[in-house]
Amino acid sequence: MKLSRAAIGVAGRIGAGKTALARRLAKEAGLQYVRYSQVLEEWLAGDASPRKELQSIGWQVMSSERQLELNARLISRIDKRRGVVVDGLRHPTDFACLSSALGPEFRLIFLDCPAKTRWQRLAQSGRFRNFEEFLAADAHPVEQNIEFLRAFACGTIPCQEPIDKTVALAINSLGQANGAIRS
């Protein structure tokens, strides 16, 4: 598989498989991998910050209109001469900034996954103690703009196991969007 100078964003709710898909695409296609939460962590939280704290920090950024600054920091990490996969878009501003910076080859994949499936994935990792805790995190204000990104996606991919199926569906959606895939 070879993605020709692809610029791909991956969005979806907590536990949908964004990171697994983004890392797999980056690895298999030799693309850069950039993650919003990593930029946020290094900018404001410090390396040892728990993920729950990152939600609150992300909300502080979003609600204080610093989403543009977060995007500028993320975009500054991208080598525009190479392809890239960006993990974790959460707001329409993220899409607008990446589209502007990366040009017409930027495409968004939206991962769609039922709450129970997402909870089961995250429960295995010990991230949440119970379903109610997961639902509270999923309802956090920083997560509430994610669904708006669905409208910008070149494809909405149902979560699949194993990850190979999700990767294949994502590549198919990207290819159908504009012929971005070359064999």
Protein backbone atom coordinates (compact mmCIF):
# COMPACT_ATOMS: atom_id res chain seq x y z
CA MET A 1 0.00 0.00 0.00
CA LYS A 2 1.30 3.47 -0.86
CA LEU A 3 -0.47 6.71 -0.09
CA SER A 4 0.74 9.49 -2.35
CA ARG A 5 1.57 12.48 -0.18
CA ALA A 6 -1.67 11.88 1.68
CA ALA A 7 -2.85 14.19 4.43
CA ILE A 8 -5.32 12.27 6.56
CA GLY A 9 -7.20 13.25 9.69
CA VAL A 10 -8.87 10.69 11.95
CA ALA A 11 -11.84 11.63 14.14
CA GLY A 12 -14.29 9.71 16.30
CA ARG A 13 -15.51 9.40 19.85
CA ILE A 14 -13.49 8.04 22.78
CA GLY A 15 -12.49 4.43 22.17
CA ALA A 16 -13.58 4.32 18.51
CA GLY A 17 -10.12 3.21 17.39
CA LYS A 18 -8.71 6.51 16.13
CA THR A 19 -5.21 5.95 17.44
CA ALA A 20 -5.04 2.33 16.28
CA LEU A 21 -6.13 3.34 12.77
CA ALA A 22 -3.93 6.44 12.57
CA ARG A 23 -0.82 4.63 13.77
CA ARG A 24 -1.43 1.72 11.43
CA LEU A 25 -1.92 3.97 8.40
CA ALA A 26 1.20 5.95 9.29
CA LYS A 27 3.30 2.83 9.78
CA GLU A 28 2.17 0.96 6.68
CA ALA A 29 2.35 3.97 4.37
CA GLY A 30 5.44 5.63 5.84
CA LEU A 31 3.52 8.75 6.82
CA GLN A 32 4.20 11.11 9.69
CA TYR A 33 2.03 10.59 12.75
CA VAL A 34 0.85 13.62 14.75
CA ARG A 35 -1.61 13.50 17.63
CA TYR A 36 -3.61 16.38 19.09
CA SER A 37 -3.46 15.02 22.65
CA GLN A 38 0.32 14.76 22.46
CA VAL A 39 0.62 18.40 21.40
CA LEU A 40 -1.79 19.43 24.15
CA GLU A 41 0.12 17.42 26.72
CA GLU A 42 3.48 18.93 25.81
CA TRP A 43 2.04 22.44 25.59
CA LEU A 44 0.00 22.65 28.78
CA ALA A 45 -0.11 19.46 30.78
CA GLY A 46 3.36 17.99 31.04
CA ASP A 47 4.29 14.48 30.01
CA ALA A 48 2.86 12.64 33.04
CA SER A 49 -0.66 14.03 32.83
CA PRO A 50 -3.49 11.48 33.08
CA ARG A 51 -5.88 11.29 30.12
CA LYS A 52 -8.80 12.47 32.29
CA GLU A 53 -6.87 15.65 33.02
CA LEU A 54 -6.24 16.12 29.29
CA GLN A 55 -9.99 16.33 28.70
CA SER A 56 -10.24 19.24 31.14
CA ILE A 57 -7.18 20.93 29.66
CA GLY A 58 -8.57 20.41 26.15
CA TRP A 59 -11.83 22.00 27.27
CA GLN A 60 -9.95 24.98 28.72
CA VAL A 61 -8.28 25.48 25.33
CA MET A 62 -11.52 25.05 23.40
CA SER A 63 -13.69 27.21 25.66
CA SER A 64 -11.12 30.01 25.87
CA GLU A 65 -10.89 30.21 22.09
CA ARG A 66 -7.32 28.87 21.93
CA GLN A 67 -8.21 26.09 19.49
CA LEU A 68 -6.47 28.07 16.74
CA GLU A 69 -3.29 28.16 18.82
CA LEU A 70 -3.48 24.42 19.44
CA ASN A 71 -3.84 23.87 15.71
CA ALA A 72 -0.91 26.18 14.92
CA ARG A 73 1.25 24.18 17.32
CA LEU A 74 0.16 20.89 15.75
CA ILE A 75 0.62 22.12 12.18
CA SER A 76 4.11 23.44 12.98
CA ARG A 77 5.15 19.81 13.62
CA ILE A 78 4.12 18.63 10.17
CA ASP A 79 6.71 18.32 7.41
CA LYS A 80 4.50 19.38 4.51
CA ARG A 81 6.83 17.68 2.02
CA ARG A 82 5.67 14.33 3.39
CA GLY A 83 2.33 12.69 3.95
CA VAL A 84 0.80 12.80 7.42
CA VAL A 85 -1.86 11.17 9.57
CA VAL A 86 -3.35 13.45 12.23
CA ASP A 87 -4.98 11.64 15.14
CA GLY A 88 -7.77 13.05 17.28
CA LEU A 89 -9.58 15.95 15.62
CA ARG A 90 -12.30 17.12 18.04
CA HIS A 91 -13.68 20.34 16.62
CA PRO A 92 -14.66 21.79 13.23
CA THR A 93 -11.89 24.37 13.76
CA ASP A 94 -9.40 21.49 13.65
CA PHE A 95 -10.72 20.44 10.26
CA ALA A 96 -10.69 24.02 8.93
CA CYS A 97 -7.13 24.65 10.10
CA LEU A 98 -5.79 21.38 8.67
CA SER A 99 -7.65 21.88 5.38
CA SER A 100 -6.18 25.34 5.05
CA ALA A 101 -2.64 24.28 5.97
CA LEU A 102 -2.50 20.99 4.07
CA GLY A 103 -4.52 21.91 1.02
CA PRO A 104 -6.92 19.97 -1.15
CA GLU A 105 -5.27 16.60 -0.47
CA PHE A 106 -6.40 16.69 3.19
CA ARG A 107 -9.08 14.08 3.88
CA LEU A 108 -10.91 13.19 7.09
CA ILE A 109 -11.93 9.70 8.17
CA PHE A 110 -14.63 9.47 10.84
CA LEU A 111 -14.76 6.30 12.93
CA ASP A 112 -18.23 5.32 14.09
CA CYS A 113 -18.54 2.88 16.96
CA PRO A 114 -21.36 2.14 19.42
CA ALA A 115 -20.82 3.26 23.02
CA LYS A 116 -20.92 -0.29 24.42
CA THR A 117 -18.17 -1.44 22.02
CA ARG A 118 -16.04 1.59 22.84
CA TRP A 119 -16.53 0.99 26.57
CA GLN A 120 -15.52 -2.67 26.22
CA ARG A 121 -12.30 -1.67 24.43
CA LEU A 122 -11.40 0.88 27.07
CA ALA A 123 -12.40 -1.33 30.00
CA GLN A 124 -9.76 -3.84 28.88
CA SER A 125 -7.10 -1.15 29.21
CA GLY A 126 -8.33 -0.15 32.67
CA ARG A 127 -8.97 3.42 31.59
CA PHE A 128 -12.44 3.53 33.17
CA ARG A 129 -13.68 1.65 36.24
CA ASN A 130 -17.25 1.28 35.03
CA PHE A 131 -19.64 2.12 32.21
CA GLU A 132 -20.99 5.19 34.02
CA GLU A 133 -17.48 6.65 34.31
CA PHE A 134 -16.98 6.03 30.58
CA LEU A 135 -20.31 7.72 29.75
CA ALA A 136 -19.34 10.74 31.87
CA ALA A 137 -16.05 11.06 29.96
CA ASP A 138 -17.87 10.63 26.64
CA ALA A 139 -20.30 13.41 27.65
CA HIS A 140 -17.50 15.81 28.65
CA PRO A 141 -17.91 19.21 26.92
CA VAL A 142 -14.63 18.80 24.98
CA GLU A 143 -16.12 15.73 23.28
CA GLN A 144 -19.36 17.39 22.16
CA ASN A 145 -18.16 18.88 18.86
CA ILE A 146 -16.84 15.60 17.47
CA GLU A 147 -20.11 14.67 15.78
CA PHE A 148 -19.97 17.87 13.71
CA LEU A 149 -16.84 16.49 12.03
CA ARG A 150 -18.84 13.66 10.49
CA ALA A 151 -20.14 16.09 7.84
CA PHE A 152 -16.58 16.86 6.67
CA ALA A 153 -15.46 13.24 6.39
CA CYS A 154 -14.73 11.60 3.04
CA GLY A 155 -15.85 8.40 4.74
CA THR A 156 -17.56 7.26 7.92
CA ILE A 157 -16.07 3.91 8.86
CA PRO A 158 -17.77 1.50 11.26
CA CYS A 159 -15.36 0.15 13.84
CA GLN A 160 -14.19 -3.31 12.85
CA GLU A 161 -12.20 -6.08 14.45
CA PRO A 162 -9.50 -6.86 13.63
CA ILE A 163 -7.99 -3.48 12.81
CA ASP A 164 -7.09 -4.74 9.31
CA LYS A 165 -10.75 -4.40 8.32
CA THR A 166 -10.91 -0.81 9.52
CA VAL A 167 -7.67 0.03 7.68
CA ALA A 168 -9.03 -1.50 4.46
CA LEU A 169 -12.29 0.46 4.75
CA ALA A 170 -10.38 3.69 5.43
CA ILE A 171 -8.11 3.18 2.41
CA ASN A 172 -11.14 2.46 0.24
CA SER A 173 -12.85 5.69 1.41
CA LEU A 174 -9.70 7.71 0.81
CA GLY A 175 -9.31 6.23 -2.65
CA GLN A 176 -12.91 6.96 -3.58
CA ALA A 177 -12.63 10.53 -2.28
CA ASN A 178 -10.13 11.70 -4.87
CA GLY A 179 -7.89 8.97 -6.18
CA ALA A 180 -5.33 9.65 -3.43
CA ILE A 181 -4.30 5.99 -3.36
CA ARG A 182 -1.62 4.66 -5.68
CA SER A 183 -0.63 1.04 -5.89
